[in-house]
Amino acid sequence: MFNSKYLVTFLNEKWEPFKTLNVKMVPHINEFIYFDDVQKYYRVINVVHQFSKKQKIIVIITEFSFETIKK
C-alpha cells in the first residue's frame, strides 16, 4: 500500500542539478541526507512540490560540514 516511490531532483544552493533519485520518503526541511557516492552529508534547505499531471519534487540542499557545529 505504501510502496510508492517518488522521483526527487536534488539541486544545490545555486539551483544547479546535483542528482535525481527514486526515494520512498520525501525529505523535510533541515533534515540531513548522506550520499554514499560522494561520502558527504547535505542539509535540506527547501522542498518544492510541483503538481501537474505527475507530481514533481525538487529538494534544495547545501553541503554540510561538522566545522559549522564546532563554531
N, C-alpha and C. Protein backbone atom coordinates (compact mmCIF):
# COMPACT_ATOMS: atom_id res chain seq x y z
N MET A 1 0.82 -1.20 0.00
CA MET A 1 0.00 0.00 0.00
C MET A 1 0.86 1.26 0.00
N PHE A 2 1.92 1.29 0.80
CA PHE A 2 2.77 2.47 0.88
C PHE A 2 4.13 2.23 0.23
N ASN A 3 4.15 1.50 -0.85
CA ASN A 3 5.41 1.21 -1.53
C ASN A 3 5.71 2.16 -2.67
N SER A 4 4.99 3.25 -2.75
CA SER A 4 5.22 4.18 -3.85
C SER A 4 6.57 4.87 -3.68
N LYS A 5 7.21 5.12 -4.80
CA LYS A 5 8.48 5.83 -4.79
C LYS A 5 8.28 7.17 -5.47
N TYR A 6 9.05 8.13 -5.01
CA TYR A 6 8.98 9.47 -5.57
C TYR A 6 10.26 9.75 -6.34
N LEU A 7 10.12 10.37 -7.48
CA LEU A 7 11.28 10.82 -8.23
C LEU A 7 11.63 12.21 -7.73
N VAL A 8 12.77 12.32 -7.07
CA VAL A 8 13.18 13.57 -6.43
C VAL A 8 14.43 14.09 -7.12
N THR A 9 14.39 15.36 -7.48
CA THR A 9 15.55 16.02 -8.06
C THR A 9 16.21 16.87 -6.99
N PHE A 10 17.49 16.64 -6.77
CA PHE A 10 18.25 17.41 -5.78
C PHE A 10 19.03 18.49 -6.51
N LEU A 11 18.91 19.72 -6.01
CA LEU A 11 19.63 20.86 -6.56
C LEU A 11 20.50 21.45 -5.47
N ASN A 12 21.66 22.00 -5.84
CA ASN A 12 22.49 22.64 -4.84
C ASN A 12 21.95 24.04 -4.52
N GLU A 13 22.63 24.76 -3.63
CA GLU A 13 22.11 26.06 -3.20
C GLU A 13 22.08 27.10 -4.32
N LYS A 14 22.78 26.83 -5.42
CA LYS A 14 22.75 27.72 -6.59
C LYS A 14 21.69 27.27 -7.60
N TRP A 15 20.90 26.29 -7.22
CA TRP A 15 19.83 25.71 -8.04
C TRP A 15 20.38 25.01 -9.29
N GLU A 16 21.57 24.44 -9.16
CA GLU A 16 22.15 23.65 -10.23
C GLU A 16 21.86 22.18 -9.94
N PRO A 17 21.54 21.39 -10.96
CA PRO A 17 21.23 19.97 -10.73
C PRO A 17 22.39 19.22 -10.09
N PHE A 18 22.06 18.44 -9.07
CA PHE A 18 23.06 17.65 -8.36
C PHE A 18 22.84 16.16 -8.62
N LYS A 19 21.57 15.73 -8.46
CA LYS A 19 21.28 14.31 -8.58
C LYS A 19 19.77 14.11 -8.65
N THR A 20 19.33 13.05 -9.33
CA THR A 20 17.93 12.67 -9.37
C THR A 20 17.83 11.22 -8.93
N LEU A 21 16.98 10.97 -7.93
CA LEU A 21 16.85 9.63 -7.35
C LEU A 21 15.40 9.26 -7.11
N ASN A 22 15.15 7.96 -7.09
CA ASN A 22 13.87 7.44 -6.63
C ASN A 22 13.99 7.19 -5.13
N VAL A 23 13.11 7.78 -4.36
CA VAL A 23 13.15 7.61 -2.90
C VAL A 23 11.78 7.20 -2.40
N LYS A 24 11.76 6.52 -1.26
CA LYS A 24 10.49 6.11 -0.66
C LYS A 24 9.88 7.22 0.19
N MET A 25 10.74 8.06 0.75
CA MET A 25 10.26 9.14 1.62
C MET A 25 10.84 10.46 1.13
N VAL A 26 10.03 11.48 1.11
CA VAL A 26 10.49 12.81 0.70
C VAL A 26 11.13 13.48 1.91
N PRO A 27 12.35 13.99 1.77
CA PRO A 27 12.99 14.66 2.91
C PRO A 27 12.29 15.96 3.28
N HIS A 28 12.47 16.36 4.52
CA HIS A 28 11.88 17.59 5.03
C HIS A 28 12.97 18.64 5.25
N ILE A 29 12.55 19.87 5.41
CA ILE A 29 13.48 20.97 5.66
C ILE A 29 14.27 20.70 6.93
N ASN A 30 15.56 21.01 6.90
CA ASN A 30 16.52 20.85 8.00
C ASN A 30 16.90 19.40 8.29
N GLU A 31 16.48 18.47 7.48
CA GLU A 31 16.95 17.10 7.63
C GLU A 31 18.31 16.95 6.95
N PHE A 32 19.03 15.91 7.32
CA PHE A 32 20.33 15.63 6.72
C PHE A 32 20.22 14.40 5.84
N ILE A 33 20.93 14.47 4.72
CA ILE A 33 20.96 13.36 3.77
C ILE A 33 22.42 13.00 3.55
N TYR A 34 22.69 11.70 3.54
CA TYR A 34 24.05 11.23 3.26
C TYR A 34 24.05 10.54 1.91
N PHE A 35 24.93 10.99 1.02
CA PHE A 35 25.08 10.35 -0.28
C PHE A 35 26.35 9.50 -0.25
N ASP A 36 26.19 8.20 -0.47
CA ASP A 36 27.31 7.27 -0.40
C ASP A 36 28.36 7.54 -1.48
N ASP A 37 27.92 7.89 -2.66
CA ASP A 37 28.88 8.03 -3.75
C ASP A 37 29.85 9.20 -3.56
N VAL A 38 29.42 10.27 -2.89
CA VAL A 38 30.33 11.39 -2.62
C VAL A 38 30.80 11.40 -1.17
N GLN A 39 30.21 10.55 -0.33
CA GLN A 39 30.56 10.40 1.08
C GLN A 39 30.52 11.72 1.84
N LYS A 40 29.40 12.42 1.68
CA LYS A 40 29.20 13.69 2.36
C LYS A 40 27.76 13.81 2.83
N TYR A 41 27.59 14.63 3.87
CA TYR A 41 26.26 14.95 4.35
C TYR A 41 25.79 16.25 3.70
N TYR A 42 24.49 16.32 3.46
CA TYR A 42 23.87 17.52 2.92
C TYR A 42 22.64 17.87 3.76
N ARG A 43 22.42 19.16 3.94
CA ARG A 43 21.25 19.62 4.70
C ARG A 43 20.20 20.13 3.73
N VAL A 44 18.95 19.77 3.99
CA VAL A 44 17.84 20.19 3.13
C VAL A 44 17.47 21.63 3.48
N ILE A 45 17.52 22.49 2.49
CA ILE A 45 17.17 23.89 2.69
C ILE A 45 15.69 24.13 2.40
N ASN A 46 15.22 23.53 1.30
CA ASN A 46 13.83 23.75 0.90
C ASN A 46 13.34 22.56 0.09
N VAL A 47 12.03 22.35 0.12
CA VAL A 47 11.39 21.29 -0.66
C VAL A 47 10.29 21.94 -1.49
N VAL A 48 10.34 21.72 -2.79
CA VAL A 48 9.37 22.33 -3.71
C VAL A 48 8.57 21.21 -4.36
N HIS A 49 7.24 21.32 -4.27
CA HIS A 49 6.35 20.35 -4.91
C HIS A 49 5.68 21.04 -6.09
N GLN A 50 5.72 20.38 -7.23
CA GLN A 50 5.04 20.90 -8.41
C GLN A 50 3.96 19.89 -8.79
N PHE A 51 2.73 20.37 -8.83
CA PHE A 51 1.62 19.48 -9.15
C PHE A 51 1.15 19.76 -10.57
N SER A 52 1.40 18.82 -11.44
CA SER A 52 0.90 18.87 -12.81
C SER A 52 0.29 17.49 -13.07
N LYS A 53 0.47 16.95 -14.25
CA LYS A 53 -0.05 15.60 -14.48
C LYS A 53 0.61 14.59 -13.56
N LYS A 54 1.88 14.83 -13.28
CA LYS A 54 2.61 13.98 -12.35
C LYS A 54 3.31 14.88 -11.34
N GLN A 55 3.29 14.49 -10.10
CA GLN A 55 3.92 15.29 -9.06
C GLN A 55 5.43 15.31 -9.24
N LYS A 56 6.01 16.51 -9.19
CA LYS A 56 7.45 16.67 -9.31
C LYS A 56 7.96 17.26 -8.01
N ILE A 57 9.02 16.67 -7.47
CA ILE A 57 9.56 17.13 -6.19
C ILE A 57 11.00 17.56 -6.41
N ILE A 58 11.30 18.77 -5.96
CA ILE A 58 12.64 19.33 -6.05
C ILE A 58 13.11 19.64 -4.64
N VAL A 59 14.30 19.18 -4.30
CA VAL A 59 14.86 19.39 -2.97
C VAL A 59 16.13 20.21 -3.12
N ILE A 60 16.18 21.34 -2.43
CA ILE A 60 17.35 22.20 -2.46
C ILE A 60 18.24 21.81 -1.27
N ILE A 61 19.51 21.51 -1.54
CA ILE A 61 20.42 21.05 -0.49
C ILE A 61 21.68 21.91 -0.47
N THR A 62 22.35 21.87 0.67
CA THR A 62 23.64 22.51 0.81
C THR A 62 24.57 21.53 1.51
N GLU A 63 25.84 21.60 1.15
CA GLU A 63 26.82 20.69 1.75
C GLU A 63 26.98 21.03 3.23
N PHE A 64 27.03 19.99 4.03
CA PHE A 64 27.14 20.16 5.47
C PHE A 64 28.53 19.77 5.93
N SER A 65 29.12 20.58 6.78
CA SER A 65 30.41 20.22 7.37
C SER A 65 30.30 20.33 8.90
N PHE A 66 31.02 19.49 9.57
CA PHE A 66 30.96 19.47 11.03
C PHE A 66 31.66 20.68 11.66
N GLU A 67 32.46 21.39 10.89
CA GLU A 67 33.11 22.60 11.40
C GLU A 67 32.10 23.68 11.74
N THR A 68 30.97 23.69 11.04
CA THR A 68 29.94 24.70 11.33
C THR A 68 29.32 24.47 12.71
N ILE A 69 29.31 23.24 13.18
CA ILE A 69 28.76 22.94 14.51
C ILE A 69 29.73 23.36 15.59
N LYS A 70 31.01 23.19 15.34
CA LYS A 70 32.03 23.46 16.35
C LYS A 70 32.17 24.95 16.66
N LYS A 71 31.74 25.81 15.74
CA LYS A 71 31.90 27.27 15.94
C LYS A 71 30.88 27.82 16.90
